[in-house]
Protein backbone atom coordinates (compact mmCIF):
# COMPACT_ATOMS: atom_id res chain seq x y z
CA MET A 1 185.83 23.04 -43.47
CA THR A 2 186.56 26.47 -45.60
CA LYS A 3 184.08 27.56 -48.28
CA ALA A 4 186.80 27.55 -50.67
CA LYS A 5 187.43 23.73 -50.03
CA ASN A 6 183.78 23.09 -50.08
CA ARG A 7 183.56 24.79 -53.51
CA ASP A 8 186.58 22.66 -54.98
CA GLU A 9 185.04 19.25 -53.52
CA ALA A 10 181.71 19.97 -55.20
CA ALA A 11 183.46 21.00 -58.28
CA SER A 12 185.59 17.86 -58.32
CA VAL A 13 182.60 15.63 -57.59
CA VAL A 14 180.41 17.13 -60.30
CA ALA A 15 183.34 17.21 -62.66
CA SER A 16 183.95 13.72 -62.36
CA ILE A 17 180.26 12.75 -63.02
CA PHE A 18 180.19 14.93 -66.35
CA ASN A 19 183.77 13.99 -67.25
CA LEU A 20 185.04 17.73 -67.16
CA THR A 21 187.84 19.55 -65.04
CA PRO A 22 186.92 21.18 -61.88
CA ARG A 23 187.91 24.39 -63.27
CA ALA A 24 185.30 23.90 -66.16
CA VAL A 25 182.77 23.19 -63.29
CA ARG A 26 183.89 26.22 -61.31
CA MET A 27 183.48 28.47 -64.37
CA VAL A 28 179.88 27.31 -64.64
CA ILE A 29 179.31 28.18 -60.75
CA ASN A 30 180.92 31.36 -61.57
CA GLY A 31 178.54 32.19 -64.55
CA GLU A 32 181.70 32.37 -66.99
CA THR A 33 180.20 29.65 -68.97
CA THR A 34 176.67 28.18 -69.10
CA ASN A 35 175.76 24.57 -68.53
CA GLU A 36 172.25 23.80 -66.99
CA PRO A 37 172.91 20.27 -66.12
CA VAL A 38 176.30 20.97 -64.48
CA LEU A 39 174.76 23.67 -62.41
CA GLU A 40 171.76 21.61 -61.24
CA ALA A 41 174.23 19.00 -60.45
CA VAL A 42 176.24 21.23 -58.20
CA VAL A 43 173.41 22.91 -56.27
CA THR A 44 171.90 19.36 -55.94
CA TYR A 45 175.33 17.99 -54.39
CA LYS A 46 175.49 20.96 -51.89
CA GLU A 47 171.71 20.66 -50.92
CA GLY A 48 172.38 16.66 -50.38
CA LYS A 49 175.43 17.19 -48.36
CA SER A 50 173.94 19.95 -46.41
CA LYS A 51 171.17 17.63 -45.36
CA LEU A 52 173.62 14.70 -44.55
CA ILE A 53 175.64 16.84 -42.50
CA GLU A 54 172.33 17.81 -40.63
CA GLU A 55 170.98 14.54 -40.02
CA ILE A 56 174.50 13.33 -38.81
CA LYS A 57 174.46 16.34 -36.08
CA LYS A 58 171.20 14.82 -35.00
CA LEU A 59 172.41 11.34 -34.59
CA VAL A 60 175.79 12.09 -33.09
CA PRO A 61 176.17 14.04 -29.72
CA PHE A 62 178.71 16.72 -30.38
CA ASP A 63 179.87 18.67 -27.26
CA GLN A 64 181.65 21.74 -28.35
CA SER A 65 182.84 22.56 -24.68
CA THR A 66 185.50 19.93 -25.29
CA LEU A 67 187.07 21.97 -28.27
């Protein structure tokens, strides 16, 4: 997954929580506007997703030599 796609996913999820547009959330992420609760939600979402991916990698054997 590309960095841009991750950003858009986080913006979309957080936007739906706060009833905002993804663009409004990206503006907060980029520092164009200020909204602490939205920024905290983005950080929390990204941290949670990273932890989830790490736990899945531990549970599911993944052989990169088959790629």
